[in-house]
Amino acid sequence: MHEMGIAQDMLKVALEYATKNKARRITQFNVEMSAAADESEDSLRFYLESLTRGTLAEGAQVQIARVPTQGKCFDCAGDFLWTPDLVACPHCSSPRVRPVVHDEFRLTSIDVE
């Protein structure tokens, strides 16, 4: 249910921006999702669709792009782009790697009319 809080925060920011800029409606949410995120794209879409009912964002599309995240090796301290299929450090081949997650979901922009 972590996605509900994320959706609430995104909607709040989007509505504040749209109101401040006198938009008639929000037509799309553009979101980046970290490759390391455990949350569900479908859940985020569901919560955004539910929360936007009765607002100027009702019916807005939700576009989610998966983006790589930074990775770190526990053995050589090397930095690299982490993806879920990465099994070893590209620098030293150690299997002791982890993603360095900052934002699992990030609202990058909204489209308005």
PDB file of N, CA and C in Angstrom:
ATOM      1  N   MET A   1       0.821  -1.186   0.000  1.00  0.00           N
ATOM      2  CA  MET A   1       0.000   0.000   0.000  1.00  0.00           C
ATOM      3  C   MET A   1       0.871   1.259   0.000  1.00  0.00           C
ATOM      4  N   HIS A   2       2.180   1.077  -0.081  1.00  0.00           N
ATOM      5  CA  HIS A   2       3.113   2.189  -0.172  1.00  0.00           C
ATOM      6  C   HIS A   2       2.801   3.052  -1.396  1.00  0.00           C
ATOM      7  N   GLU A   3       2.296   2.423  -2.450  1.00  0.00           N
ATOM      8  CA  GLU A   3       1.982   3.135  -3.684  1.00  0.00           C
ATOM      9  C   GLU A   3       0.898   4.192  -3.467  1.00  0.00           C
ATOM     10  N   MET A   4      -0.009   3.970  -2.516  1.00  0.00           N
ATOM     11  CA  MET A   4      -1.064   4.947  -2.255  1.00  0.00           C
ATOM     12  C   MET A   4      -0.466   6.269  -1.777  1.00  0.00           C
ATOM     13  N   GLY A   5       0.478   6.206  -0.855  1.00  0.00           N
ATOM     14  CA  GLY A   5       1.132   7.415  -0.367  1.00  0.00           C
ATOM     15  C   GLY A   5       1.900   8.130  -1.467  1.00  0.00           C
ATOM     16  N   ILE A   6       2.558   7.357  -2.314  1.00  0.00           N
ATOM     17  CA  ILE A   6       3.289   7.934  -3.443  1.00  0.00           C
ATOM     18  C   ILE A   6       2.309   8.640  -4.373  1.00  0.00           C
ATOM     19  N   ALA A   7       1.193   7.982  -4.684  1.00  0.00           N
ATOM     20  CA  ALA A   7       0.188   8.568  -5.563  1.00  0.00           C
ATOM     21  C   ALA A   7      -0.399   9.843  -4.957  1.00  0.00           C
ATOM     22  N   GLN A   8      -0.661   9.844  -3.660  1.00  0.00           N
ATOM     23  CA  GLN A   8      -1.189  11.035  -2.996  1.00  0.00           C
ATOM     24  C   GLN A   8      -0.215  12.202  -3.120  1.00  0.00           C
ATOM     25  N   ASP A   9       1.055  11.938  -2.888  1.00  0.00           N
ATOM     26  CA  ASP A   9       2.069  12.992  -2.988  1.00  0.00           C
ATOM     27  C   ASP A   9       2.173  13.524  -4.415  1.00  0.00           C
ATOM     28  N   MET A  10       2.172  12.626  -5.394  1.00  0.00           N
ATOM     29  CA  MET A  10       2.263  13.051  -6.793  1.00  0.00           C
ATOM     30  C   MET A  10       1.063  13.902  -7.184  1.00  0.00           C
ATOM     31  N   LEU A  11      -0.115  13.459  -6.780  1.00  0.00           N
ATOM     32  CA  LEU A  11      -1.323  14.200  -7.114  1.00  0.00           C
ATOM     33  C   LEU A  11      -1.312  15.583  -6.477  1.00  0.00           C
ATOM     34  N   LYS A  12      -0.893  15.664  -5.229  1.00  0.00           N
ATOM     35  CA  LYS A  12      -0.833  16.949  -4.535  1.00  0.00           C
ATOM     36  C   LYS A  12       0.068  17.929  -5.287  1.00  0.00           C
ATOM     37  N   VAL A  13       1.259  17.485  -5.661  1.00  0.00           N
ATOM     38  CA  VAL A  13       2.203  18.334  -6.391  1.00  0.00           C
ATOM     39  C   VAL A  13       1.614  18.747  -7.741  1.00  0.00           C
ATOM     40  N   ALA A  14       1.042  17.785  -8.451  1.00  0.00           N
ATOM     41  CA  ALA A  14       0.481  18.064  -9.771  1.00  0.00           C
ATOM     42  C   ALA A  14      -0.676  19.057  -9.699  1.00  0.00           C
ATOM     43  N   LEU A  15      -1.562  18.882  -8.731  1.00  0.00           N
ATOM     44  CA  LEU A  15      -2.703  19.795  -8.598  1.00  0.00           C
ATOM     45  C   LEU A  15      -2.245  21.200  -8.212  1.00  0.00           C
ATOM     46  N   GLU A  16      -1.270  21.293  -7.327  1.00  0.00           N
ATOM     47  CA  GLU A  16      -0.742  22.615  -6.949  1.00  0.00           C
ATOM     48  C   GLU A  16      -0.141  23.319  -8.162  1.00  0.00           C
ATOM     49  N   TYR A  17       0.638  22.604  -8.946  1.00  0.00           N
ATOM     50  CA  TYR A  17       1.254  23.178 -10.131  1.00  0.00           C
ATOM     51  C   TYR A  17       0.189  23.602 -11.147  1.00  0.00           C
ATOM     52  N   ALA A  18      -0.761  22.711 -11.407  1.00  0.00           N
ATOM     53  CA  ALA A  18      -1.800  23.000 -12.395  1.00  0.00           C
ATOM     54  C   ALA A  18      -2.644  24.202 -11.975  1.00  0.00           C
ATOM     55  N   THR A  19      -3.001  24.270 -10.713  1.00  0.00           N
ATOM     56  CA  THR A  19      -3.798  25.395 -10.211  1.00  0.00           C
ATOM     57  C   THR A  19      -3.016  26.696 -10.311  1.00  0.00           C
ATOM     58  N   LYS A  20      -1.772  26.659  -9.892  1.00  0.00           N
ATOM     59  CA  LYS A  20      -0.915  27.844  -9.930  1.00  0.00           C
ATOM     60  C   LYS A  20      -0.757  28.373 -11.355  1.00  0.00           C
ATOM     61  N   ASN A  21      -0.750  27.470 -12.333  1.00  0.00           N
ATOM     62  CA  ASN A  21      -0.561  27.850 -13.732  1.00  0.00           C
ATOM     63  C   ASN A  21      -1.869  27.926 -14.522  1.00  0.00           C
ATOM     64  N   LYS A  22      -2.975  27.929 -13.792  1.00  0.00           N
ATOM     65  CA  LYS A  22      -4.313  28.103 -14.374  1.00  0.00           C
ATOM     66  C   LYS A  22      -4.656  27.086 -15.468  1.00  0.00           C
ATOM     67  N   ALA A  23      -4.224  25.855 -15.253  1.00  0.00           N
ATOM     68  CA  ALA A  23      -4.552  24.777 -16.193  1.00  0.00           C
ATOM     69  C   ALA A  23      -6.010  24.369 -16.000  1.00  0.00           C
ATOM     70  N   ARG A  24      -6.655  24.011 -17.098  1.00  0.00           N
ATOM     71  CA  ARG A  24      -8.042  23.549 -17.007  1.00  0.00           C
ATOM     72  C   ARG A  24      -8.111  22.095 -16.567  1.00  0.00           C
ATOM     73  N   ARG A  25      -7.123  21.317 -16.995  1.00  0.00           N
ATOM     74  CA  ARG A  25      -7.090  19.923 -16.568  1.00  0.00           C
ATOM     75  C   ARG A  25      -5.712  19.325 -16.789  1.00  0.00           C
ATOM     76  N   ILE A  26      -5.442  18.275 -16.045  1.00  0.00           N
ATOM     77  CA  ILE A  26      -4.209  17.499 -16.188  1.00  0.00           C
ATOM     78  C   ILE A  26      -4.552  16.303 -17.067  1.00  0.00           C
ATOM     79  N   THR A  27      -3.789  16.126 -18.147  1.00  0.00           N
ATOM     80  CA  THR A  27      -4.094  15.037 -19.074  1.00  0.00           C
ATOM     81  C   THR A  27      -3.159  13.837 -18.925  1.00  0.00           C
ATOM     82  N   GLN A  28      -1.985  14.075 -18.322  1.00  0.00           N
ATOM     83  CA  GLN A  28      -1.044  12.958 -18.193  1.00  0.00           C
ATOM     84  C   GLN A  28      -0.054  13.200 -17.062  1.00  0.00           C
ATOM     85  N   PHE A  29       0.256  12.110 -16.354  1.00  0.00           N
ATOM     86  CA  PHE A  29       1.326  12.083 -15.362  1.00  0.00           C
ATOM     87  C   PHE A  29       2.487  11.330 -16.003  1.00  0.00           C
ATOM     88  N   ASN A  30       3.680  11.903 -15.987  1.00  0.00           N
ATOM     89  CA  ASN A  30       4.870  11.250 -16.519  1.00  0.00           C
ATOM     90  C   ASN A  30       5.767  10.897 -15.336  1.00  0.00           C
ATOM     91  N   VAL A  31       5.968   9.602 -15.151  1.00  0.00           N
ATOM     92  CA  VAL A  31       6.620   9.093 -13.952  1.00  0.00           C
ATOM     93  C   VAL A  31       7.813   8.229 -14.338  1.00  0.00           C
ATOM     94  N   GLU A  32       8.894   8.368 -13.578  1.00  0.00           N
ATOM     95  CA  GLU A  32      10.024   7.453 -13.701  1.00  0.00           C
ATOM     96  C   GLU A  32       9.993   6.515 -12.508  1.00  0.00           C
ATOM     97  N   MET A  33      10.244   5.239 -12.771  1.00  0.00           N
ATOM     98  CA  MET A  33      10.260   4.215 -11.733  1.00  0.00           C
ATOM     99  C   MET A  33      11.621   3.550 -11.737  1.00  0.00           C
ATOM    100  N   SER A  34      12.287   3.548 -10.597  1.00  0.00           N
ATOM    101  CA  SER A  34      13.606   2.937 -10.474  1.00  0.00           C
ATOM    102  C   SER A  34      13.533   1.446 -10.800  1.00  0.00           C
ATOM    103  N   ALA A  35      14.570   0.965 -11.475  1.00  0.00           N
ATOM    104  CA  ALA A  35      14.661  -0.470 -11.768  1.00  0.00           C
ATOM    105  C   ALA A  35      14.702  -1.296 -10.495  1.00  0.00           C
ATOM    106  N   ALA A  36      15.079  -0.675  -9.383  1.00  0.00           N
ATOM    107  CA  ALA A  36      15.184  -1.388  -8.110  1.00  0.00           C
ATOM    108  C   ALA A  36      13.898  -1.333  -7.291  1.00  0.00           C
ATOM    109  N   ALA A  37      12.899  -0.620  -7.754  1.00  0.00           N
ATOM    110  CA  ALA A  37      11.661  -0.460  -6.985  1.00  0.00           C
ATOM    111  C   ALA A  37      10.935  -1.794  -6.839  1.00  0.00           C
ATOM    112  N   ASP A  38      10.474  -2.055  -5.627  1.00  0.00           N
ATOM    113  CA  ASP A  38       9.677  -3.257  -5.368  1.00  0.00           C
ATOM    114  C   ASP A  38       8.195  -2.996  -5.594  1.00  0.00           C
ATOM    115  N   GLU A  39       7.828  -1.746  -5.633  1.00  0.00           N
ATOM    116  CA  GLU A  39       6.411  -1.397  -5.779  1.00  0.00           C
ATOM    117  C   GLU A  39       5.909  -1.764  -7.170  1.00  0.00           C
ATOM    118  N   SER A  40       4.603  -1.753  -7.303  1.00  0.00           N
ATOM    119  CA  SER A  40       3.951  -2.180  -8.529  1.00  0.00           C
ATOM    120  C   SER A  40       3.502  -0.996  -9.368  1.00  0.00           C
ATOM    121  N   GLU A  41       3.825  -1.050 -10.666  1.00  0.00           N
ATOM    122  CA  GLU A  41       3.334  -0.030 -11.604  1.00  0.00           C
ATOM    123  C   GLU A  41       1.812  -0.033 -11.626  1.00  0.00           C
ATOM    124  N   ASP A  42       1.224  -1.220 -11.648  1.00  0.00           N
ATOM    125  CA  ASP A  42      -0.234  -1.333 -11.709  1.00  0.00           C
ATOM    126  C   ASP A  42      -0.898  -0.718 -10.485  1.00  0.00           C
ATOM    127  N   SER A  43      -0.304  -0.923  -9.313  1.00  0.00           N
ATOM    128  CA  SER A  43      -0.866  -0.346  -8.094  1.00  0.00           C
ATOM    129  C   SER A  43      -0.797   1.174  -8.125  1.00  0.00           C
ATOM    130  N   LEU A  44       0.331   1.724  -8.587  1.00  0.00           N
ATOM    131  CA  LEU A  44       0.456   3.176  -8.666  1.00  0.00           C
ATOM    132  C   LEU A  44      -0.604   3.735  -9.620  1.00  0.00           C
ATOM    133  N   ARG A  45      -0.772   3.091 -10.772  1.00  0.00           N
ATOM    134  CA  ARG A  45      -1.803   3.534 -11.731  1.00  0.00           C
ATOM    135  C   ARG A  45      -3.190   3.483 -11.087  1.00  0.00           C
ATOM    136  N   PHE A  46      -3.480   2.375 -10.406  1.00  0.00           N
ATOM    137  CA  PHE A  46      -4.783   2.209  -9.763  1.00  0.00           C
ATOM    138  C   PHE A  46      -5.052   3.341  -8.770  1.00  0.00           C
ATOM    139  N   TYR A  47      -4.074   3.619  -7.900  1.00  0.00           N
ATOM    140  CA  TYR A  47      -4.270   4.658  -6.892  1.00  0.00           C
ATOM    141  C   TYR A  47      -4.382   6.040  -7.520  1.00  0.00           C
ATOM    142  N   LEU A  48      -3.581   6.324  -8.535  1.00  0.00           N
ATOM    143  CA  LEU A  48      -3.708   7.629  -9.189  1.00  0.00           C
ATOM    144  C   LEU A  48      -5.078   7.773  -9.840  1.00  0.00           C
ATOM    145  N   GLU A  49      -5.544   6.736 -10.514  1.00  0.00           N
ATOM    146  CA  GLU A  49      -6.862   6.791 -11.143  1.00  0.00           C
ATOM    147  C   GLU A  49      -7.954   6.975 -10.095  1.00  0.00           C
ATOM    148  N   SER A  50      -7.835   6.301  -8.969  1.00  0.00           N
ATOM    149  CA  SER A  50      -8.842   6.417  -7.908  1.00  0.00           C
ATOM    150  C   SER A  50      -8.817   7.797  -7.266  1.00  0.00           C
ATOM    151  N   LEU A  51      -7.617   8.283  -6.954  1.00  0.00           N
ATOM    152  CA  LEU A  51      -7.485   9.553  -6.246  1.00  0.00           C
ATOM    153  C   LEU A  51      -7.828  10.772  -7.108  1.00  0.00           C
ATOM    154  N   THR A  52      -7.723  10.628  -8.419  1.00  0.00           N
ATOM    155  CA  THR A  52      -7.988  11.780  -9.290  1.00  0.00           C
ATOM    156  C   THR A  52      -9.475  12.004  -9.559  1.00  0.00           C
ATOM    157  N   ARG A  53     -10.304  11.048  -9.203  1.00  0.00           N
ATOM    158  CA  ARG A  53     -11.757  11.218  -9.437  1.00  0.00           C
ATOM    159  C   ARG A  53     -12.248  12.490  -8.760  1.00  0.00           C
ATOM    160  N   GLY A  54     -12.973  13.302  -9.543  1.00  0.00           N
ATOM    161  CA  GLY A  54     -13.526  14.536  -9.009  1.00  0.00           C
ATOM    162  C   GLY A  54     -12.541  15.696  -8.975  1.00  0.00           C
ATOM    163  N   THR A  55     -11.326  15.484  -9.517  1.00  0.00           N
ATOM    164  CA  THR A  55     -10.341  16.560  -9.570  1.00  0.00           C
ATOM    165  C   THR A  55     -10.080  16.935 -11.021  1.00  0.00           C
ATOM    166  N   LEU A  56      -9.276  17.969 -11.247  1.00  0.00           N
ATOM    167  CA  LEU A  56      -8.974  18.348 -12.623  1.00  0.00           C
ATOM    168  C   LEU A  56      -7.999  17.374 -13.275  1.00  0.00           C
ATOM    169  N   ALA A  57      -7.601  16.341 -12.558  1.00  0.00           N
ATOM    170  CA  ALA A  57      -6.746  15.297 -13.121  1.00  0.00           C
ATOM    171  C   ALA A  57      -7.532  14.028 -13.455  1.00  0.00           C
ATOM    172  N   GLU A  58      -8.852  14.068 -13.258  1.00  0.00           N
ATOM    173  CA  GLU A  58      -9.662  12.871 -13.544  1.00  0.00           C
ATOM    174  C   GLU A  58      -9.492  12.452 -14.998  1.00  0.00           C
ATOM    175  N   GLY A  59      -9.229  11.176 -15.204  1.00  0.00           N
ATOM    176  CA  GLY A  59      -9.059  10.630 -16.551  1.00  0.00           C
ATOM    177  C   GLY A  59      -7.660  10.787 -17.118  1.00  0.00           C
ATOM    178  N   ALA A  60      -6.748  11.363 -16.369  1.00  0.00           N
ATOM    179  CA  ALA A  60      -5.377  11.562 -16.860  1.00  0.00           C
ATOM    180  C   ALA A  60      -4.692  10.216 -17.083  1.00  0.00           C
ATOM    181  N   GLN A  61      -3.897  10.147 -18.120  1.00  0.00           N
ATOM    182  CA  GLN A  61      -3.102   8.958 -18.399  1.00  0.00           C
ATOM    183  C   GLN A  61      -1.899   8.935 -17.454  1.00  0.00           C
ATOM    184  N   VAL A  62      -1.380   7.739 -17.183  1.00  0.00           N
ATOM    185  CA  VAL A  62      -0.198   7.589 -16.345  1.00  0.00           C
ATOM    186  C   VAL A  62       0.850   6.847 -17.167  1.00  0.00           C
ATOM    187  N   GLN A  63       1.925   7.545 -17.523  1.00  0.00           N
ATOM    188  CA  GLN A  63       3.024   6.953 -18.271  1.00  0.00           C
ATOM    189  C   GLN A  63       4.168   6.693 -17.298  1.00  0.00           C
ATOM    190  N   ILE A  64       4.602   5.438 -17.223  1.00  0.00           N
ATOM    191  CA  ILE A  64       5.690   5.071 -16.306  1.00  0.00           C
ATOM    192  C   ILE A  64       6.848   4.498 -17.111  1.00  0.00           C
ATOM    193  N   ALA A  65       8.014   5.114 -16.949  1.00  0.00           N
ATOM    194  CA  ALA A  65       9.228   4.639 -17.607  1.00  0.00           C
ATOM    195  C   ALA A  65      10.152   4.034 -16.553  1.00  0.00           C
ATOM    196  N   ARG A  66      10.596   2.807 -16.790  1.00  0.00           N
ATOM    197  CA  ARG A  66      11.566   2.165 -15.891  1.00  0.00           C
ATOM    198  C   ARG A  66      12.945   2.731 -16.203  1.00  0.00           C
ATOM    199  N   VAL A  67      13.648   3.168 -15.181  1.00  0.00           N
ATOM    200  CA  VAL A  67      14.979   3.740 -15.370  1.00  0.00           C
ATOM    201  C   VAL A  67      15.990   2.996 -14.500  1.00  0.00           C
ATOM    202  N   PRO A  68      17.212   2.837 -15.014  1.00  0.00           N
ATOM    203  CA  PRO A  68      18.236   2.171 -14.211  1.00  0.00           C
ATOM    204  C   PRO A  68      18.578   3.017 -12.988  1.00  0.00           C
ATOM    205  N   THR A  69      19.160   2.376 -12.012  1.00  0.00           N
ATOM    206  CA  THR A  69      19.585   3.066 -10.802  1.00  0.00           C
ATOM    207  C   THR A  69      21.069   2.800 -10.578  1.00  0.00           C
ATOM    208  N   GLN A  70      21.677   3.597  -9.740  1.00  0.00           N
ATOM    209  CA  GLN A  70      23.078   3.376  -9.389  1.00  0.00           C
ATOM    210  C   GLN A  70      23.219   2.082  -8.608  1.00  0.00           C
ATOM    211  N   GLY A  71      24.317   1.404  -8.830  1.00  0.00           N
ATOM    212  CA  GLY A  71      24.645   0.209  -8.076  1.00  0.00           C
ATOM    213  C   GLY A  71      25.986   0.391  -7.390  1.00  0.00           C
ATOM    214  N   LYS A  72      26.223  -0.418  -6.384  1.00  0.00           N
ATOM    215  CA  LYS A  72      27.478  -0.338  -5.622  1.00  0.00           C
ATOM    216  C   LYS A  72      27.931  -1.762  -5.305  1.00  0.00           C
ATOM    217  N   CYS A  73      29.219  -1.983  -5.406  1.00  0.00           N
ATOM    218  CA  CYS A  73      29.793  -3.280  -5.062  1.00  0.00           C
ATOM    219  C   CYS A  73      30.310  -3.224  -3.626  1.00  0.00           C
ATOM    220  N   PHE A  74      29.962  -4.236  -2.825  1.00  0.00           N
ATOM    221  CA  PHE A  74      30.431  -4.314  -1.446  1.00  0.00           C
ATOM    222  C   PHE A  74      31.933  -4.620  -1.373  1.00  0.00           C
ATOM    223  N   ASP A  75      32.473  -5.278  -2.387  1.00  0.00           N
ATOM    224  CA  ASP A  75      33.868  -5.703  -2.327  1.00  0.00           C
ATOM    225  C   ASP A  75      34.846  -4.658  -2.859  1.00  0.00           C
ATOM    226  N   CYS A  76      34.610  -4.133  -4.068  1.00  0.00           N
ATOM    227  CA  CYS A  76      35.566  -3.173  -4.639  1.00  0.00           C
ATOM    228  C   CYS A  76      35.086  -1.727  -4.528  1.00  0.00           C
ATOM    229  N   ALA A  77      33.854  -1.534  -4.032  1.00  0.00           N
ATOM    230  CA  ALA A  77      33.236  -0.199  -3.895  1.00  0.00           C
ATOM    231  C   ALA A  77      33.004   0.475  -5.239  1.00  0.00           C
ATOM    232  N   GLY A  78      33.024  -0.309  -6.309  1.00  0.00           N
ATOM    233  CA  GLY A  78      32.779   0.238  -7.640  1.00  0.00           C
ATOM    234  C   GLY A  78      31.332   0.689  -7.808  1.00  0.00           C
ATOM    235  N   ASP A  79      31.141   1.745  -8.606  1.00  0.00           N
ATOM    236  CA  ASP A  79      29.811   2.260  -8.949  1.00  0.00           C
ATOM    237  C   ASP A  79      29.482   1.851 -10.384  1.00  0.00           C
ATOM    238  N   PHE A  80      28.200   1.600 -10.644  1.00  0.00           N
ATOM    239  CA  PHE A  80      27.756   1.177 -11.968  1.00  0.00           C
ATOM    240  C   PHE A  80      26.249   1.343 -12.054  1.00  0.00           C
ATOM    241  N   LEU A  81      25.690   1.199 -13.254  1.00  0.00           N
ATOM    242  CA  LEU A  81      24.238   1.204 -13.414  1.00  0.00           C
ATOM    243  C   LEU A  81      23.725  -0.179 -13.072  1.00  0.00           C
ATOM    244  N   TRP A  82      22.786  -0.230 -12.122  1.00  0.00           N
ATOM    245  CA  TRP A  82      22.229  -1.496 -11.644  1.00  0.00           C
ATOM    246  C   TRP A  82      20.932  -1.799 -12.374  1.00  0.00           C
ATOM    247  N   THR A  83      20.751  -3.050 -12.749  1.00  0.00           N
ATOM    248  CA  THR A  83      19.492  -3.543 -13.300  1.00  0.00           C
ATOM    249  C   THR A  83      19.158  -4.845 -12.578  1.00  0.00           C
ATOM    250  N   PRO A  84      17.883  -5.235 -12.550  1.00  0.00           N
ATOM    251  CA  PRO A  84      17.508  -6.452 -11.808  1.00  0.00           C
ATOM    252  C   PRO A  84      18.204  -7.724 -12.278  1.00  0.00           C
ATOM    253  N   ASP A  85      18.645  -7.765 -13.531  1.00  0.00           N
ATOM    254  CA  ASP A  85      19.299  -8.981 -14.040  1.00  0.00           C
ATOM    255  C   ASP A  85      20.808  -8.998 -13.787  1.00  0.00           C
ATOM    256  N   LEU A  86      21.356  -7.955 -13.177  1.00  0.00           N
ATOM    257  CA  LEU A  86      22.779  -7.899 -12.877  1.00  0.00           C
ATOM    258  C   LEU A  86      23.096  -8.859 -11.735  1.00  0.00           C
ATOM    259  N   VAL A  87      24.033  -9.779 -11.968  1.00  0.00           N
ATOM    260  CA  VAL A  87      24.366 -10.773 -10.940  1.00  0.00           C
ATOM    261  C   VAL A  87      25.761 -10.593 -10.364  1.00  0.00           C
ATOM    262  N   ALA A  88      26.576  -9.755 -11.004  1.00  0.00           N
ATOM    263  CA  ALA A  88      27.946  -9.564 -10.517  1.00  0.00           C
ATOM    264  C   ALA A  88      28.423  -8.156 -10.859  1.00  0.00           C
ATOM    265  N   CYS A  89      29.359  -7.694 -10.077  1.00  0.00           N
ATOM    266  CA  CYS A  89      29.965  -6.377 -10.303  1.00  0.00           C
ATOM    267  C   CYS A  89      30.666  -6.364 -11.663  1.00  0.00           C
ATOM    268  N   PRO A  90      30.404  -5.363 -12.482  1.00  0.00           N
ATOM    269  CA  PRO A  90      31.075  -5.297 -13.783  1.00  0.00           C
ATOM    270  C   PRO A  90      32.569  -4.969 -13.674  1.00  0.00           C
ATOM    271  N   HIS A  91      33.015  -4.545 -12.486  1.00  0.00           N
ATOM    272  CA  HIS A  91      34.425  -4.197 -12.294  1.00  0.00           C
ATOM    273  C   HIS A  91      35.247  -5.375 -11.777  1.00  0.00           C
ATOM    274  N   CYS A  92      34.731  -6.091 -10.762  1.00  0.00           N
ATOM    275  CA  CYS A  92      35.526  -7.152 -10.120  1.00  0.00           C
ATOM    276  C   CYS A  92      34.850  -8.527 -10.140  1.00  0.00           C
ATOM    277  N   SER A  93      33.635  -8.604 -10.706  1.00  0.00           N
ATOM    278  CA  SER A  93      32.861  -9.850 -10.818  1.00  0.00           C
ATOM    279  C   SER A  93      32.322 -10.386  -9.493  1.00  0.00           C
ATOM    280  N   SER A  94      32.396  -9.602  -8.439  1.00  0.00           N
ATOM    281  CA  SER A  94      31.844 -10.030  -7.154  1.00  0.00           C
ATOM    282  C   SER A  94      30.313 -10.087  -7.248  1.00  0.00           C
ATOM    283  N   PRO A  95      29.710 -11.107  -6.648  1.00  0.00           N
ATOM    284  CA  PRO A  95      28.248 -11.166  -6.620  1.00  0.00           C
ATOM    285  C   PRO A  95      27.650 -10.286  -5.510  1.00  0.00           C
ATOM    286  N   ARG A  96      28.493  -9.649  -4.722  1.00  0.00           N
ATOM    287  CA  ARG A  96      28.026  -8.843  -3.592  1.00  0.00           C
ATOM    288  C   ARG A  96      27.767  -7.401  -4.049  1.00  0.00           C
ATOM    289  N   VAL A  97      26.657  -7.237  -4.756  1.00  0.00           N
ATOM    290  CA  VAL A  97      26.275  -5.921  -5.280  1.00  0.00           C
ATOM    291  C   VAL A  97      24.888  -5.548  -4.761  1.00  0.00           C
ATOM    292  N   ARG A  98      24.605  -4.246  -4.768  1.00  0.00           N
ATOM    293  CA  ARG A  98      23.295  -3.788  -4.333  1.00  0.00           C
ATOM    294  C   ARG A  98      22.929  -2.527  -5.101  1.00  0.00           C
ATOM    295  N   PRO A  99      21.636  -2.306  -5.278  1.00  0.00           N
ATOM    296  CA  PRO A  99      21.214  -1.036  -5.872  1.00  0.00           C
ATOM    297  C   PRO A  99      21.285   0.066  -4.810  1.00  0.00           C
ATOM    298  N   VAL A 100      21.566   1.269  -5.247  1.00  0.00           N
ATOM    299  CA  VAL A 100      21.543   2.438  -4.376  1.00  0.00           C
ATOM    300  C   VAL A 100      20.296   3.225  -4.794  1.00  0.00           C
ATOM    301  N   VAL A 101      19.242   3.065  -4.018  1.00  0.00           N
ATOM    302  CA  VAL A 101      17.952   3.629  -4.398  1.00  0.00           C
ATOM    303  C   VAL A 101      17.736   4.970  -3.710  1.00  0.00           C
ATOM    304  N   HIS A 102      17.397   5.965  -4.493  1.00  0.00           N
ATOM    305  CA  HIS A 102      17.056   7.276  -3.933  1.00  0.00           C
ATOM    306  C   HIS A 102      15.545   7.472  -4.022  1.00  0.00           C
ATOM    307  N   ASP A 103      15.042   7.617  -5.216  1.00  0.00           N
ATOM    308  CA  ASP A 103      13.603   7.744  -5.431  1.00  0.00           C
ATOM    309  C   ASP A 103      13.135   6.529  -6.206  1.00  0.00           C
ATOM    310  N   GLU A 104      12.198   5.764  -5.637  1.00  0.00           N
ATOM    311  CA  GLU A 104      11.692   4.610  -6.356  1.00  0.00           C
ATOM    312  C   GLU A 104      10.747   5.047  -7.467  1.00  0.00           C
ATOM    313  N   PHE A 105       9.941   6.068  -7.178  1.00  0.00           N
ATOM    314  CA  PHE A 105       9.069   6.683  -8.172  1.00  0.00           C
ATOM    315  C   PHE A 105       9.340   8.171  -8.147  1.00  0.00           C
ATOM    316  N   ARG A 106       9.327   8.796  -9.330  1.00  0.00           N
ATOM    317  CA  ARG A 106       9.513  10.243  -9.382  1.00  0.00           C
ATOM    318  C   ARG A 106       8.594  10.819 -10.450  1.00  0.00           C
ATOM    319  N   LEU A 107       7.789  11.790 -10.061  1.00  0.00           N
ATOM    320  CA  LEU A 107       6.947  12.504 -11.013  1.00  0.00           C
ATOM    321  C   LEU A 107       7.849  13.462 -11.765  1.00  0.00           C
ATOM    322  N   THR A 108       8.069  13.205 -13.047  1.00  0.00           N
ATOM    323  CA  THR A 108       8.995  14.038 -13.818  1.00  0.00           C
ATOM    324  C   THR A 108       8.294  15.225 -14.457  1.00  0.00           C
ATOM    325  N   SER A 109       7.025  15.042 -14.848  1.00  0.00           N
ATOM    326  CA  SER A 109       6.267  16.139 -15.455  1.00  0.00           C
ATOM    327  C   SER A 109       4.796  15.768 -15.531  1.00  0.00           C
ATOM    328  N   ILE A 110       3.993  16.768 -15.827  1.00  0.00           N
ATOM    329  CA  ILE A 110       2.578  16.538 -16.112  1.00  0.00           C
ATOM    330  C   ILE A 110       2.253  17.258 -17.408  1.00  0.00           C
ATOM    331  N   ASP A 111       1.267  16.753 -18.114  1.00  0.00           N
ATOM    332  CA  ASP A 111       0.756  17.439 -19.304  1.00  0.00           C
ATOM    333  C   ASP A 111      -0.577  18.057 -18.910  1.00  0.00           C
ATOM    334  N   VAL A 112      -0.787  19.295 -19.317  1.00  0.00           N
ATOM    335  CA  VAL A 112      -2.009  20.018 -18.962  1.00  0.00           C
ATOM    336  C   VAL A 112      -2.625  20.678 -20.185  1.00  0.00           C
ATOM    337  N   GLU A 113      -3.875  21.055 -20.033  1.00  0.00           N
ATOM    338  CA  GLU A 113      -4.580  21.850 -21.048  1.00  0.00           C
ATOM    339  C   GLU A 113      -4.948  23.172 -20.422  1.00  0.00           C
TER     340      GLU A 113
END
